[in-house]
Protein backbone atom coordinates (compact mmCIF):
# COMPACT_ATOMS: atom_id res chain seq x y z
CA MET A 1 10.12 4.09 13.61
CA GLN A 2 8.75 3.49 9.72
CA THR A 3 5.77 6.37 9.09
CA ILE A 4 3.46 4.93 5.94
CA LEU A 5 1.76 8.56 4.07
CA GLY A 6 -1.55 7.21 2.84
CA ALA A 7 -2.08 3.97 5.23
CA THR A 8 -5.13 2.84 3.87
CA GLY A 9 -4.57 2.08 0.01
CA GLN A 10 -3.99 -1.97 -0.62
CA ILE A 11 -0.49 -1.28 -1.42
CA ALA A 12 -0.23 0.65 2.10
CA VAL A 13 -1.84 -2.47 3.89
CA GLU A 14 0.56 -4.54 1.92
CA LEU A 15 3.46 -2.29 2.83
CA ALA A 16 2.54 -2.50 6.72
CA ARG A 17 2.60 -6.19 6.47
CA GLU A 18 5.71 -6.89 5.09
CA LEU A 19 7.64 -4.40 7.55
CA SER A 20 6.27 -5.69 10.32
CA ARG A 21 6.97 -9.46 9.30
CA ALA A 22 10.35 -8.75 7.80
CA TYR A 23 12.08 -5.71 8.88
CA THR A 24 10.19 -3.60 12.49
CA THR A 25 6.72 -3.18 14.84
CA ASP A 26 7.84 0.12 15.41
CA LEU A 27 4.89 1.14 12.33
CA ARG A 28 3.15 4.63 12.25
CA LEU A 29 0.25 4.45 9.72
CA VAL A 30 -0.89 8.00 9.29
CA SER A 31 -4.14 8.88 6.50
CA ARG A 32 -7.37 10.74 7.19
CA ARG A 33 -8.91 8.00 8.86
CA PRO A 34 -6.27 5.08 9.35
CA GLU A 35 -6.76 1.93 10.61
CA LYS A 36 -4.57 -0.62 12.32
CA VAL A 37 -2.78 -3.37 9.76
CA ASN A 38 -0.56 -5.27 12.59
CA ASP A 39 -1.66 -5.17 16.13
CA SER A 40 1.47 -2.88 17.38
CA ASP A 41 0.83 -0.08 14.66
CA ALA A 42 0.81 3.58 15.93
CA LEU A 43 -2.96 5.20 13.97
CA VAL A 44 -2.23 8.97 13.18
CA PRO A 45 -5.17 10.41 11.94
CA ALA A 46 -3.63 13.66 9.15
CA ASP A 47 -4.78 15.61 6.22
CA LEU A 48 -1.61 15.70 4.23
CA LEU A 49 -2.32 18.76 2.70
CA ASP A 50 -1.77 20.59 5.67
CA ALA A 51 1.94 21.19 6.18
CA GLY A 52 1.48 21.74 9.84
CA GLN A 53 -0.37 18.05 9.78
CA ALA A 54 1.62 16.15 7.78
CA ALA A 55 5.01 17.74 9.74
CA ARG A 56 3.49 16.27 13.57
CA ALA A 57 2.62 12.84 11.33
CA VAL A 58 6.40 11.92 10.48
CA GLU A 59 8.35 13.39 13.56
CA GLY A 60 10.37 11.19 14.82
CA SER A 61 10.48 8.85 11.65
CA SER A 62 13.63 6.96 10.53
CA ILE A 63 12.02 6.24 7.29
CA VAL A 64 8.48 7.51 5.69
CA TYR A 65 7.13 5.91 2.47
CA PHE A 66 4.85 7.78 0.41
CA THR A 67 1.86 5.95 -0.89
CA ALA A 68 -1.04 8.62 -1.06
CA GLY A 69 -3.11 8.41 -3.64
CA LEU A 70 -6.84 10.33 -4.30
CA PRO A 71 -9.64 8.62 -6.64
CA PRO A 72 -9.54 8.52 -10.82
CA ASP A 73 -10.45 12.55 -10.64
CA THR A 74 -8.02 14.87 -12.80
CA ARG A 75 -9.07 17.90 -11.48
CA LEU A 76 -8.06 16.48 -7.68
CA TRP A 77 -4.91 15.81 -8.91
CA GLU A 78 -4.19 18.48 -10.05
CA GLU A 79 -4.91 20.66 -7.16
CA ARG A 80 -4.30 18.46 -4.22
CA PHE A 81 -1.14 16.02 -5.13
CA PRO A 82 1.48 18.38 -5.81
CA ALA A 83 0.44 19.89 -2.65
CA MET A 84 0.53 16.48 -0.48
CA LEU A 85 4.08 15.96 -1.45
CA LYS A 86 5.25 19.29 -1.25
CA ASN A 87 4.13 18.71 2.15
CA ALA A 88 5.40 15.29 2.84
CA LEU A 89 8.69 15.58 1.67
CA ASP A 90 9.02 19.04 4.23
CA ALA A 91 8.09 16.61 6.45
CA THR A 92 10.53 14.41 5.99
CA ARG A 93 13.52 16.73 5.34
CA ALA A 94 12.87 18.07 8.80
CA ALA A 95 12.54 15.14 10.22
CA LYS A 96 16.12 13.93 9.01
CA ALA A 97 14.63 10.66 7.76
CA LYS A 98 14.76 8.69 4.44
CA PHE A 99 12.04 8.75 1.71
CA VAL A 100 10.40 5.82 -0.05
CA TYR A 101 8.26 7.29 -2.41
CA PHE A 102 5.77 5.39 -4.52
CA ASP A 103 5.08 6.32 -8.22
CA ASN A 104 3.32 4.93 -11.44
CA THR A 105 3.95 5.08 -15.03
CA TYR A 106 1.34 7.34 -16.32
CA MET A 107 4.96 9.77 -17.59
CA TYR A 108 5.40 7.21 -19.64
CA PRO A 109 5.96 7.10 -23.76
CA GLN A 110 2.33 4.70 -24.10
CA ASP A 111 3.86 3.21 -26.90
CA GLY A 112 5.57 -0.59 -27.37
CA ARG A 113 8.90 0.73 -26.27
CA VAL A 114 10.93 -1.28 -23.62
CA LEU A 115 10.10 1.23 -20.63
CA THR A 116 13.48 1.38 -18.23
CA GLU A 117 14.57 3.22 -15.11
CA ALA A 118 16.28 5.39 -18.02
CA SER A 119 13.08 5.77 -20.44
CA VAL A 120 11.97 9.70 -21.18
CA PHE A 121 9.00 11.13 -19.88
CA GLU A 122 6.34 11.58 -22.84
CA PRO A 123 3.34 11.87 -20.69
CA VAL A 124 -0.03 11.97 -22.94
CA GLY A 125 -3.30 13.84 -21.47
CA ARG A 126 -4.21 15.43 -18.46
CA LYS A 127 -3.08 13.25 -15.51
CA GLY A 128 -0.41 11.82 -17.40
CA LYS A 129 1.17 15.86 -16.88
CA VAL A 130 0.45 16.17 -13.67
CA ARG A 131 2.59 13.02 -13.36
CA ALA A 132 4.98 14.72 -15.08
CA ALA A 133 4.89 17.62 -13.33
CA MET A 134 5.06 14.91 -10.25
CA ALA A 135 8.20 13.56 -12.07
CA SER A 136 8.98 17.54 -11.89
CA MET A 137 7.48 16.13 -8.59
CA ALA A 138 9.69 13.33 -9.04
CA SER A 139 11.89 15.83 -10.30
CA MET A 140 10.65 17.63 -6.78
CA VAL A 141 11.72 14.16 -5.33
CA LEU A 142 14.90 14.10 -7.67
CA GLN A 143 16.07 17.27 -6.05
CA GLU A 144 16.31 15.62 -2.58
CA MET A 145 18.23 12.85 -4.14
CA ALA A 146 20.62 15.67 -5.68
CA ARG A 147 20.79 17.62 -2.96
CA GLY A 148 21.96 15.13 -0.64
CA GLU A 149 20.70 16.24 2.74
CA ILE A 150 18.28 13.08 2.96
CA PRO A 151 18.00 10.07 1.07
CA VAL A 152 15.50 9.33 -1.15
CA VAL A 153 14.68 6.57 -3.17
CA ILE A 154 11.91 5.69 -6.19
CA GLY A 155 10.29 2.79 -6.71
CA ARG A 156 8.07 2.45 -10.18
CA ALA A 157 5.04 0.08 -10.48
CA PRO A 158 2.56 -0.66 -13.98
CA GLU A 159 -0.53 -1.16 -13.63
CA PHE A 160 -1.97 -3.24 -10.72
CA TYR A 161 -4.01 -6.47 -9.98
CA GLY A 162 -4.48 -8.24 -6.97
CA PRO A 163 -6.46 -9.28 -4.35
CA ASP A 164 -8.25 -7.05 -1.53
CA LYS A 165 -8.98 -3.69 -2.68
CA THR A 166 -6.76 -3.64 -5.25
CA GLN A 167 -8.42 -1.02 -7.72
CA SER A 168 -7.52 -1.24 -11.45
CA ILE A 169 -8.23 -1.44 -14.96
CA THR A 170 -8.06 -5.21 -14.68
CA ASN A 171 -9.67 -5.52 -11.53
CA THR A 172 -12.80 -3.72 -12.43
CA LEU A 173 -13.46 -4.81 -16.17
CA VAL A 174 -11.85 -8.01 -16.19
CA ILE A 175 -10.77 -10.47 -12.65
CA ASP A 176 -14.13 -8.81 -10.50
CA ARG A 177 -16.70 -9.54 -13.72
CA ILE A 178 -15.69 -13.04 -14.00
CA LYS A 179 -15.38 -13.89 -10.11
CA SER A 180 -19.06 -12.01 -9.84
CA GLY A 181 -19.98 -14.29 -12.95
CA GLN A 182 -20.47 -11.51 -15.56
CA THR A 183 -18.79 -11.27 -19.09
CA PRO A 184 -15.52 -9.04 -18.29
CA ARG A 185 -14.47 -6.33 -20.87
CA VAL A 186 -11.37 -5.93 -22.36
CA PRO A 187 -9.96 -2.59 -22.96
CA VAL A 188 -9.30 -1.95 -27.01
CA ARG A 189 -6.97 -5.02 -27.73
CA ASP A 190 -7.34 -8.76 -26.60
CA ASP A 191 -4.02 -9.40 -28.16
CA THR A 192 -1.35 -6.89 -26.41
CA ARG A 193 0.94 -7.87 -23.98
CA ARG A 194 0.04 -6.66 -20.47
CA THR A 195 2.98 -6.33 -17.72
CA LEU A 196 0.72 -6.01 -14.26
CA ILE A 197 2.36 -5.70 -10.86
CA TRP A 198 0.93 -8.33 -8.31
CA THR A 199 0.25 -5.40 -5.12
CA PRO A 200 1.20 -7.67 -2.81
CA ASP A 201 4.57 -8.14 -4.77
CA ALA A 202 4.84 -4.39 -5.01
CA SER A 203 4.85 -3.53 -1.28
CA ARG A 204 6.83 -6.40 -0.80
CA ALA A 205 9.52 -4.44 -2.98
CA LEU A 206 8.74 -1.25 -1.43
CA ALA A 207 9.85 -2.70 1.83
CA ALA A 208 13.23 -4.03 0.74
CA LEU A 209 14.46 -0.72 -1.43
CA GLY A 210 13.11 1.17 2.39
CA ASN A 211 15.64 -1.30 4.04
CA ALA A 212 18.76 -1.43 1.90
CA ALA A 213 21.51 1.14 2.21
CA ASP A 214 22.39 1.26 -1.00
CA THR A 215 19.41 1.72 -2.87
CA PHE A 216 18.66 5.36 -2.39
CA GLY A 217 19.47 8.08 -4.50
CA GLN A 218 17.71 6.11 -7.24
CA THR A 219 14.69 4.99 -8.81
CA TRP A 220 13.82 1.43 -9.28
CA HIS A 221 11.52 -0.28 -10.95
CA LEU A 222 9.31 -2.73 -8.97
CA PRO A 223 9.70 -5.92 -9.90
CA CYS A 224 6.99 -8.07 -12.37
CA ASP A 225 6.47 -11.68 -14.19
CA ASP A 226 8.29 -11.47 -17.43
CA ASP A 227 6.56 -13.69 -18.94
CA ARG A 228 3.80 -11.29 -20.05
CA LEU A 229 -0.02 -12.97 -20.99
CA THR A 230 -2.74 -10.72 -23.04
CA TYR A 231 -6.27 -10.53 -21.90
CA ARG A 232 -7.43 -13.07 -24.35
CA GLN A 233 -5.19 -15.20 -22.01
CA ILE A 234 -5.65 -13.91 -18.53
CA VAL A 235 -9.18 -14.69 -19.57
CA ALA A 236 -8.27 -18.50 -20.90
CA VAL A 237 -6.65 -18.88 -17.50
CA ALA A 238 -9.05 -17.01 -15.39
CA SER A 239 -12.10 -18.83 -17.00
CA GLY A 240 -10.50 -22.28 -16.18
CA LEU A 241 -10.23 -21.39 -12.81
CA VAL A 242 -14.04 -21.05 -12.32
CA GLY A 243 -14.87 -23.94 -14.44
CA ARG A 244 -15.72 -21.73 -17.39
CA GLU A 245 -15.66 -21.44 -21.60
CA PRO A 246 -13.56 -17.91 -22.00
CA SER A 247 -15.66 -15.46 -22.63
CA TYR A 248 -15.45 -11.95 -23.36
CA ARG A 249 -15.81 -8.64 -24.99
CA VAL A 250 -13.44 -6.32 -26.29
CA LEU A 251 -14.48 -2.42 -26.09
CA GLY A 252 -12.88 -0.71 -28.86
CA LYS A 253 -11.34 2.55 -28.40
CA TRP A 254 -14.17 4.56 -29.98
CA THR A 255 -16.75 2.82 -27.76
CA LEU A 256 -14.83 3.64 -24.62
CA ILE A 257 -14.59 7.54 -25.89
CA ALA A 258 -18.12 7.72 -26.80
CA ALA A 259 -18.85 6.09 -23.48
CA GLY A 260 -17.14 8.83 -21.81
CA LEU A 261 -19.08 11.34 -22.84
CA LEU A 262 -21.72 10.39 -20.16
CA SER A 263 -19.23 8.72 -17.56
CA GLY A 264 -17.04 10.61 -15.19
CA PRO A 265 -15.04 7.02 -14.78
CA VAL A 266 -14.77 6.24 -17.68
CA ARG A 267 -13.45 9.44 -18.73
CA GLU A 268 -10.95 9.17 -16.73
CA LEU A 269 -10.02 6.17 -18.38
CA ARG A 270 -9.90 7.56 -22.01
CA GLU A 271 -5.92 9.05 -21.78
CA LEU A 272 -4.66 6.21 -21.24
CA LEU A 273 -5.94 4.18 -24.18
CA PRO A 274 -3.21 4.43 -26.06
CA ARG A 275 -0.98 1.57 -23.95
CA TYR A 276 -4.08 -0.30 -24.50
CA GLU A 277 -3.56 -0.45 -27.79
CA ARG A 278 -0.03 -2.06 -27.84
CA ASP A 279 2.50 -4.51 -25.64
CA ASN A 280 3.37 -2.71 -22.48
CA LEU A 281 6.79 -3.85 -21.56
CA PHE A 282 7.84 -2.64 -18.38
CA ASP A 283 11.55 -4.20 -17.71
CA SER A 284 12.44 -4.88 -13.50
CA ALA A 285 15.32 -6.09 -14.83
CA LYS A 286 17.85 -3.74 -12.40
CA PHE A 287 15.51 -4.65 -9.43
CA LYS A 288 15.99 -8.24 -9.93
CA ARG A 289 19.51 -7.72 -10.18
CA ARG A 290 19.74 -6.53 -7.05
CA PHE A 291 17.87 -8.67 -5.21
CA PRO A 292 17.88 -12.45 -6.84
CA LYS A 293 16.40 -13.37 -3.74
CA PHE A 294 12.93 -12.15 -4.24
CA LYS A 295 10.26 -14.44 -5.18
CA VAL A 296 7.84 -12.39 -7.87
CA THR A 297 4.65 -13.85 -8.48
CA ALA A 298 3.78 -15.40 -11.73
CA TYR A 299 0.68 -14.23 -13.20
CA ARG A 300 -0.73 -17.99 -13.45
CA GLN A 301 -0.07 -17.66 -9.13
CA GLY A 302 -1.81 -14.82 -8.72
CA LEU A 303 -4.93 -15.72 -10.68
CA GLU A 304 -4.95 -19.44 -8.58
CA GLN A 305 -4.76 -16.73 -6.09
CA LEU A 306 -7.48 -14.73 -6.39
CA PHE A 307 -9.95 -17.06 -7.86
CA ALA A 308 -9.07 -19.86 -5.58
CA GLU A 309 -12.79 -19.27 -3.46
CA SER A 310 -14.85 -19.35 -6.79
CA ARG A 311 -13.40 -22.81 -7.98
CA PRO A 312 -16.34 -24.85 -7.88
CA ASN A 313 -16.82 -27.93 -4.64
CA PRO A 314 -16.86 -30.94 -6.66
CA PHE A 315 -19.10 -32.33 -3.45
CA GLU A 316 -21.65 -29.39 -3.85
CA ARG A 317 -24.72 -30.49 -6.30
């Protein structure tokens, strides 16, 4: 039995599809209101803030994937995420299962350095500190690795882009706006190189890490296309796919800071602004060496998939 905690997000949904397709149909999906992804999925409603519910949800599992998330609200992150992770780890330890932790890059330096699995943690802003507290929760996770009582692996991903329910700044400000015929909004600069991960790739890679014997006890950067595009290039490619001239507006740093005074969601974005001022160089060479046959989705391929339905039909008037 392989169990996914936080089973309703895009990463978890794609993970359930990949596990069922390539590894096992004996899957348990856990969240407050879980929904089936595959016909054979077992559903377990549970609140991970409740240690007893977490333990019951994990009982009998061989591998536990932690993909739980929260809305972009710093207070919720500070109050709830550490408890959710601790309960998940305790439950996994009690079940003597393997633990696969899906992480992001909020704790990394927000500058132009190449980011590898050995990069130091230099969190910026409250949410970044929570993730370093969750790299202190990856210290909780790293301590589990060091103890050796259960096998633990960390898969870390940069900003998402992708289909369906994918939530990210790039999806919201750029991709979704182009799809709906609106002018895209580019955060801070249009000429810095972005490392984005295609969400189905992130999920396939997480499944590969969880089902390989030699990946545990390590952190892995999940695989991304190294031919990094700028937002100017992303808008040009996407606009071409829907048959429009490229057009966009750059939202300057001070514009976003001022907007944050009025908007909660924009306020939550402000502490991440430094990463948009410089190239974002997330390196996933380690994963690619270990899984040389893993096919990474190129940015242009991903954008083609996203905009396929938006192409004009030449037979329509």
